[in-house]
All heavy atoms as atom14 arrays in JSON, in Angstrom:
{
  "sequence": "ALIYTQYYGALLLTAIIVFLFWEIMRSAENR",
  "atom14_mask": [
    [1, 1, 1, 1, 1, 0, 0, 0, 0, 0, 0, 0, 0, 0],
    [1, 1, 1, 1, 1, 1, 1, 1, 0, 0, 0, 0, 0, 0],
    [1, 1, 1, 1, 1, 1, 1, 1, 0, 0, 0, 0, 0, 0],
    [1, 1, 1, 1, 1, 1, 1, 1, 1, 1, 1, 1, 0, 0],
    [1, 1, 1, 1, 1, 1, 1, 0, 0, 0, 0, 0, 0, 0],
    [1, 1, 1, 1, 1, 1, 1, 1, 1, 0, 0, 0, 0, 0],
    [1, 1, 1, 1, 1, 1, 1, 1, 1, 1, 1, 1, 0, 0],
    [1, 1, 1, 1, 1, 1, 1, 1, 1, 1, 1, 1, 0, 0],
    [1, 1, 1, 1, 0, 0, 0, 0, 0, 0, 0, 0, 0, 0],
    [1, 1, 1, 1, 1, 0, 0, 0, 0, 0, 0, 0, 0, 0],
    [1, 1, 1, 1, 1, 1, 1, 1, 0, 0, 0, 0, 0, 0],
    [1, 1, 1, 1, 1, 1, 1, 1, 0, 0, 0, 0, 0, 0],
    [1, 1, 1, 1, 1, 1, 1, 1, 0, 0, 0, 0, 0, 0],
    [1, 1, 1, 1, 1, 1, 1, 0, 0, 0, 0, 0, 0, 0],
    [1, 1, 1, 1, 1, 0, 0, 0, 0, 0, 0, 0, 0, 0],
    [1, 1, 1, 1, 1, 1, 1, 1, 0, 0, 0, 0, 0, 0],
    [1, 1, 1, 1, 1, 1, 1, 1, 0, 0, 0, 0, 0, 0],
    [1, 1, 1, 1, 1, 1, 1, 0, 0, 0, 0, 0, 0, 0],
    [1, 1, 1, 1, 1, 1, 1, 1, 1, 1, 1, 0, 0, 0],
    [1, 1, 1, 1, 1, 1, 1, 1, 0, 0, 0, 0, 0, 0],
    [1, 1, 1, 1, 1, 1, 1, 1, 1, 1, 1, 0, 0, 0],
    [1, 1, 1, 1, 1, 1, 1, 1, 1, 1, 1, 1, 1, 1],
    [1, 1, 1, 1, 1, 1, 1, 1, 1, 0, 0, 0, 0, 0],
    [1, 1, 1, 1, 1, 1, 1, 1, 0, 0, 0, 0, 0, 0],
    [1, 1, 1, 1, 1, 1, 1, 1, 0, 0, 0, 0, 0, 0],
    [1, 1, 1, 1, 1, 1, 1, 1, 1, 1, 1, 0, 0, 0],
    [1, 1, 1, 1, 1, 1, 0, 0, 0, 0, 0, 0, 0, 0],
    [1, 1, 1, 1, 1, 0, 0, 0, 0, 0, 0, 0, 0, 0],
    [1, 1, 1, 1, 1, 1, 1, 1, 1, 0, 0, 0, 0, 0],
    [1, 1, 1, 1, 1, 1, 1, 1, 0, 0, 0, 0, 0, 0],
    [1, 1, 1, 1, 1, 1, 1, 1, 1, 1, 1, 0, 0, 0]
  ],
  "atom14_positions": [
    [[-5.12, -2.01, 3.44], [-6.28, -1.83, 2.57], [-6.45, -0.36, 2.18], [-6.83, -0.05, 1.05], [-7.54, -2.34, 3.28], [0.0, 0.0, 0.0], [0.0, 0.0, 0.0], [0.0, 0.0, 0.0], [0.0, 0.0, 0.0], [0.0, 0.0, 0.0], [0.0, 0.0, 0.0], [0.0, 0.0, 0.0], [0.0, 0.0, 0.0], [0.0, 0.0, 0.0]],
    [[-6.14, 0.54, 3.11], [-6.28, 1.97, 2.84], [-5.33, 2.43, 1.74], [-5.75, 3.13, 0.8], [-6.02, 2.76, 4.13], [-6.02, 4.29, 4.01], [-7.34, 4.8, 3.49], [-5.68, 4.93, 5.35], [0.0, 0.0, 0.0], [0.0, 0.0, 0.0], [0.0, 0.0, 0.0], [0.0, 0.0, 0.0], [0.0, 0.0, 0.0], [0.0, 0.0, 0.0]],
    [[-4.05, 2.08, 1.83], [-3.1, 2.58, 0.82], [-3.31, 1.89, -0.53], [-2.94, 2.44, -1.57], [-1.64, 2.42, 1.28], [-1.32, 0.98, 1.69], [-1.34, 3.38, 2.42], [0.13, 0.77, 2.11], [0.0, 0.0, 0.0], [0.0, 0.0, 0.0], [0.0, 0.0, 0.0], [0.0, 0.0, 0.0], [0.0, 0.0, 0.0], [0.0, 0.0, 0.0]],
    [[-3.92, 0.69, -0.53], [-4.25, 0.07, -1.81], [-5.56, 0.63, -2.39], [-5.87, 0.4, -3.54], [-4.35, -1.45, -1.66], [-3.11, -2.17, -2.11], [-2.29, -2.84, -1.21], [-2.75, -2.18, -3.46], [-1.15, -3.49, -1.63], [-1.61, -2.83, -3.89], [-0.81, -3.49, -2.97], [0.33, -4.12, -3.39], [0.0, 0.0, 0.0], [0.0, 0.0, 0.0]],
    [[-6.3, 1.36, -1.56], [-7.54, 1.98, -2.03], [-7.3, 3.39, -2.55], [-7.87, 3.8, -3.55], [-8.57, 2.02, -0.87], [-8.83, 0.69, -0.43], [-9.87, 2.66, -1.33], [0.0, 0.0, 0.0], [0.0, 0.0, 0.0], [0.0, 0.0, 0.0], [0.0, 0.0, 0.0], [0.0, 0.0, 0.0], [0.0, 0.0, 0.0], [0.0, 0.0, 0.0]],
    [[-6.45, 4.15, -1.86], [-6.16, 5.54, -2.25], [-4.74, 5.89, -1.82], [-4.37, 5.68, -0.67], [-7.16, 6.49, -1.58], [-7.8, 7.51, -2.51], [-6.81, 8.57, -3.0], [-5.82, 8.85, -2.35], [-7.1, 9.18, -4.15], [0.0, 0.0, 0.0], [0.0, 0.0, 0.0], [0.0, 0.0, 0.0], [0.0, 0.0, 0.0], [0.0, 0.0, 0.0]],
    [[-3.96, 6.42, -2.75], [-2.56, 6.74, -2.45], [-2.4, 7.65, -1.24], [-1.47, 7.53, -0.45], [-1.91, 7.43, -3.65], [-1.71, 6.56, -4.86], [-1.82, 7.08, -6.14], [-1.38, 5.21, -4.73], [-1.61, 6.29, -7.26], [-1.18, 4.41, -5.84], [-1.3, 4.96, -7.11], [-1.11, 4.17, -8.2], [0.0, 0.0, 0.0], [0.0, 0.0, 0.0]],
    [[-3.33, 8.61, -1.08], [-3.2, 9.58, 0.01], [-3.34, 8.93, 1.38], [-3.04, 9.56, 2.4], [-4.25, 10.69, -0.15], [-3.85, 11.75, -1.16], [-3.76, 11.42, -2.51], [-3.57, 13.05, -0.78], [-3.4, 12.37, -3.46], [-3.21, 14.01, -1.71], [-3.12, 13.67, -3.05], [-2.76, 14.6, -3.97], [0.0, 0.0, 0.0], [0.0, 0.0, 0.0]],
    [[-3.79, 7.68, 1.4], [-3.83, 6.96, 2.67], [-2.46, 6.82, 3.3], [-2.34, 6.73, 4.53], [0.0, 0.0, 0.0], [0.0, 0.0, 0.0], [0.0, 0.0, 0.0], [0.0, 0.0, 0.0], [0.0, 0.0, 0.0], [0.0, 0.0, 0.0], [0.0, 0.0, 0.0], [0.0, 0.0, 0.0], [0.0, 0.0, 0.0], [0.0, 0.0, 0.0]],
    [[-1.4, 6.85, 2.46], [-0.04, 6.78, 2.99], [0.27, 7.96, 3.89], [1.06, 7.85, 4.85], [0.97, 6.7, 1.85], [0.0, 0.0, 0.0], [0.0, 0.0, 0.0], [0.0, 0.0, 0.0], [0.0, 0.0, 0.0], [0.0, 0.0, 0.0], [0.0, 0.0, 0.0], [0.0, 0.0, 0.0], [0.0, 0.0, 0.0], [0.0, 0.0, 0.0]],
    [[-0.36, 9.11, 3.62], [-0.14, 10.29, 4.45], [-0.75, 10.09, 5.84], [-0.18, 10.51, 6.84], [-0.75, 11.52, 3.79], [-0.19, 11.9, 2.42], [-0.91, 13.12, 1.87], [1.3, 12.16, 2.5], [0.0, 0.0, 0.0], [0.0, 0.0, 0.0], [0.0, 0.0, 0.0], [0.0, 0.0, 0.0], [0.0, 0.0, 0.0], [0.0, 0.0, 0.0]],
    [[-1.92, 9.44, 5.89], [-2.53, 9.15, 7.18], [-1.68, 8.17, 7.97], [-1.45, 8.35, 9.18], [-3.93, 8.59, 6.99], [-4.68, 8.23, 8.29], [-4.88, 9.47, 9.15], [-6.01, 7.56, 7.99], [0.0, 0.0, 0.0], [0.0, 0.0, 0.0], [0.0, 0.0, 0.0], [0.0, 0.0, 0.0], [0.0, 0.0, 0.0], [0.0, 0.0, 0.0]],
    [[-1.17, 7.13, 7.3], [-0.32, 6.16, 7.99], [0.96, 6.81, 8.49], [1.43, 6.49, 9.59], [0.02, 5.0, 7.04], [-1.17, 4.15, 6.56], [-0.66, 2.96, 5.76], [-2.04, 3.69, 7.72], [0.0, 0.0, 0.0], [0.0, 0.0, 0.0], [0.0, 0.0, 0.0], [0.0, 0.0, 0.0], [0.0, 0.0, 0.0], [0.0, 0.0, 0.0]],
    [[1.52, 7.73, 7.71], [2.72, 8.44, 8.16], [2.42, 9.27, 9.4], [3.21, 9.3, 10.35], [3.24, 9.36, 7.03], [3.49, 8.58, 5.87], [4.52, 10.05, 7.46], [0.0, 0.0, 0.0], [0.0, 0.0, 0.0], [0.0, 0.0, 0.0], [0.0, 0.0, 0.0], [0.0, 0.0, 0.0], [0.0, 0.0, 0.0], [0.0, 0.0, 0.0]],
    [[1.27, 9.97, 9.4], [0.89, 10.76, 10.56], [0.72, 9.88, 11.79], [1.12, 10.25, 12.91], [-0.41, 11.52, 10.27], [0.0, 0.0, 0.0], [0.0, 0.0, 0.0], [0.0, 0.0, 0.0], [0.0, 0.0, 0.0], [0.0, 0.0, 0.0], [0.0, 0.0, 0.0], [0.0, 0.0, 0.0], [0.0, 0.0, 0.0], [0.0, 0.0, 0.0]],
    [[0.14, 8.68, 11.6], [-0.06, 7.76, 12.72], [1.29, 7.26, 13.25], [1.49, 7.14, 14.47], [-0.94, 6.58, 12.28], [-2.37, 7.07, 12.03], [-0.94, 5.48, 13.34], [-3.27, 6.01, 11.41], [0.0, 0.0, 0.0], [0.0, 0.0, 0.0], [0.0, 0.0, 0.0], [0.0, 0.0, 0.0], [0.0, 0.0, 0.0], [0.0, 0.0, 0.0]],
    [[2.22, 6.96, 12.34], [3.55, 6.51, 12.78], [4.25, 7.61, 13.57], [4.87, 7.35, 14.62], [4.4, 6.11, 11.56], [3.8, 4.88, 10.88], [5.84, 5.84, 11.97], [3.7, 3.66, 11.75], [0.0, 0.0, 0.0], [0.0, 0.0, 0.0], [0.0, 0.0, 0.0], [0.0, 0.0, 0.0], [0.0, 0.0, 0.0], [0.0, 0.0, 0.0]],
    [[4.14, 8.85, 13.11], [4.71, 9.99, 13.85], [4.09, 10.05, 15.25], [4.8, 10.24, 16.25], [4.47, 11.31, 13.09], [4.84, 12.5, 13.97], [5.27, 11.33, 11.79], [0.0, 0.0, 0.0], [0.0, 0.0, 0.0], [0.0, 0.0, 0.0], [0.0, 0.0, 0.0], [0.0, 0.0, 0.0], [0.0, 0.0, 0.0], [0.0, 0.0, 0.0]],
    [[2.78, 9.89, 15.31], [2.09, 9.91, 16.6], [2.56, 8.79, 17.51], [2.82, 9.02, 18.7], [0.58, 9.8, 16.37], [-0.19, 9.41, 17.6], [-0.39, 10.32, 18.63], [-0.71, 8.13, 17.73], [-1.08, 9.96, 19.78], [-1.42, 7.76, 18.86], [-1.6, 8.67, 19.89], [0.0, 0.0, 0.0], [0.0, 0.0, 0.0], [0.0, 0.0, 0.0]],
    [[2.7, 7.57, 16.98], [3.11, 6.44, 17.82], [4.52, 6.64, 18.37], [4.78, 6.36, 19.55], [3.02, 5.14, 17.01], [1.61, 4.63, 16.74], [1.64, 3.41, 15.81], [0.89, 4.27, 18.03], [0.0, 0.0, 0.0], [0.0, 0.0, 0.0], [0.0, 0.0, 0.0], [0.0, 0.0, 0.0], [0.0, 0.0, 0.0], [0.0, 0.0, 0.0]],
    [[5.43, 7.12, 17.53], [6.78, 7.37, 18.03], [6.79, 8.51, 19.06], [7.59, 8.51, 20.0], [7.74, 7.67, 16.88], [8.26, 6.43, 16.2], [7.95, 6.15, 14.87], [9.06, 5.53, 16.89], [8.42, 5.0, 14.26], [9.55, 4.39, 16.29], [9.23, 4.12, 14.96], [0.0, 0.0, 0.0], [0.0, 0.0, 0.0], [0.0, 0.0, 0.0]],
    [[5.9, 9.47, 18.87], [5.75, 10.55, 19.85], [5.33, 9.96, 21.2], [5.88, 10.32, 22.24], [4.7, 11.54, 19.35], [4.48, 12.73, 20.24], [3.86, 12.74, 21.46], [4.87, 14.08, 19.99], [3.82, 14.0, 21.98], [4.42, 14.85, 21.1], [5.5, 14.72, 18.93], [4.62, 16.23, 21.17], [5.7, 16.1, 19.0], [5.28, 16.84, 20.12]],
    [[4.35, 9.04, 21.17], [3.88, 8.42, 22.41], [4.96, 7.54, 23.03], [5.07, 7.45, 24.26], [2.62, 7.6, 22.13], [1.44, 8.42, 21.68], [1.11, 9.54, 22.65], [0.91, 9.25, 23.85], [1.06, 10.72, 22.23], [0.0, 0.0, 0.0], [0.0, 0.0, 0.0], [0.0, 0.0, 0.0], [0.0, 0.0, 0.0], [0.0, 0.0, 0.0]],
    [[5.75, 6.89, 22.18], [6.84, 6.05, 22.68], [7.85, 6.89, 23.46], [8.35, 6.49, 24.51], [7.51, 5.3, 21.52], [6.58, 4.21, 20.96], [8.84, 4.68, 21.96], [7.03, 3.62, 19.65], [0.0, 0.0, 0.0], [0.0, 0.0, 0.0], [0.0, 0.0, 0.0], [0.0, 0.0, 0.0], [0.0, 0.0, 0.0], [0.0, 0.0, 0.0]],
    [[8.15, 8.07, 22.92], [9.12, 8.95, 23.59], [8.56, 9.57, 24.87], [9.3, 9.86, 25.8], [9.56, 10.06, 22.63], [10.43, 9.58, 21.49], [11.1, 10.94, 20.49], [9.6, 11.62, 19.8], [0.0, 0.0, 0.0], [0.0, 0.0, 0.0], [0.0, 0.0, 0.0], [0.0, 0.0, 0.0], [0.0, 0.0, 0.0], [0.0, 0.0, 0.0]],
    [[7.23, 9.74, 24.92], [6.62, 10.39, 26.08], [6.53, 9.49, 27.3], [6.57, 9.96, 28.43], [5.2, 10.86, 25.72], [5.16, 12.16, 24.93], [3.72, 12.5, 24.6], [2.9, 12.61, 25.79], [2.71, 13.73, 26.47], [3.32, 14.84, 26.09], [1.94, 13.75, 27.54], [0.0, 0.0, 0.0], [0.0, 0.0, 0.0], [0.0, 0.0, 0.0]],
    [[6.37, 8.19, 27.08], [6.1, 7.31, 28.2], [6.88, 6.0, 28.07], [7.02, 5.46, 26.97], [4.6, 7.01, 28.3], [4.34, 6.05, 29.3], [0.0, 0.0, 0.0], [0.0, 0.0, 0.0], [0.0, 0.0, 0.0], [0.0, 0.0, 0.0], [0.0, 0.0, 0.0], [0.0, 0.0, 0.0], [0.0, 0.0, 0.0], [0.0, 0.0, 0.0]],
    [[7.36, 5.51, 29.2], [8.08, 4.24, 29.2], [7.13, 3.06, 29.3], [7.53, 1.91, 29.03], [9.07, 4.21, 30.36], [0.0, 0.0, 0.0], [0.0, 0.0, 0.0], [0.0, 0.0, 0.0], [0.0, 0.0, 0.0], [0.0, 0.0, 0.0], [0.0, 0.0, 0.0], [0.0, 0.0, 0.0], [0.0, 0.0, 0.0], [0.0, 0.0, 0.0]],
    [[5.88, 3.3, 29.66], [4.92, 2.21, 29.82], [4.6, 1.57, 28.47], [4.26, 2.26, 27.5], [3.63, 2.74, 30.46], [2.63, 1.64, 30.78], [1.37, 2.2, 31.42], [1.3, 3.43, 31.6], [0.49, 1.4, 31.73], [0.0, 0.0, 0.0], [0.0, 0.0, 0.0], [0.0, 0.0, 0.0], [0.0, 0.0, 0.0], [0.0, 0.0, 0.0]],
    [[4.74, 0.28, 28.39], [4.45, -0.48, 27.16], [5.33, -0.06, 25.99], [4.98, -0.31, 24.83], [2.98, -0.34, 26.76], [2.05, -0.96, 27.79], [2.28, -2.06, 28.28], [1.0, -0.24, 28.13], [0.0, 0.0, 0.0], [0.0, 0.0, 0.0], [0.0, 0.0, 0.0], [0.0, 0.0, 0.0], [0.0, 0.0, 0.0], [0.0, 0.0, 0.0]],
    [[6.44, 0.58, 26.28], [7.3, 1.08, 25.2], [7.78, -0.05, 24.3], [7.77, 0.07, 23.07], [8.5, 1.83, 25.79], [9.49, 2.33, 24.74], [10.61, 3.13, 25.38], [10.1, 4.37, 25.97], [10.86, 5.18, 26.71], [12.12, 4.87, 26.97], [10.35, 6.3, 27.2], [0.0, 0.0, 0.0], [0.0, 0.0, 0.0], [0.0, 0.0, 0.0]]
  ]
}
């Protein structure tokens, strides 16, 4: 809904994906 509302929402989703992969690399729990 965010990216269909405003194009710049894609930047927030990209930042979140970077964060999630960062967390995946930091911990094996729930990886």
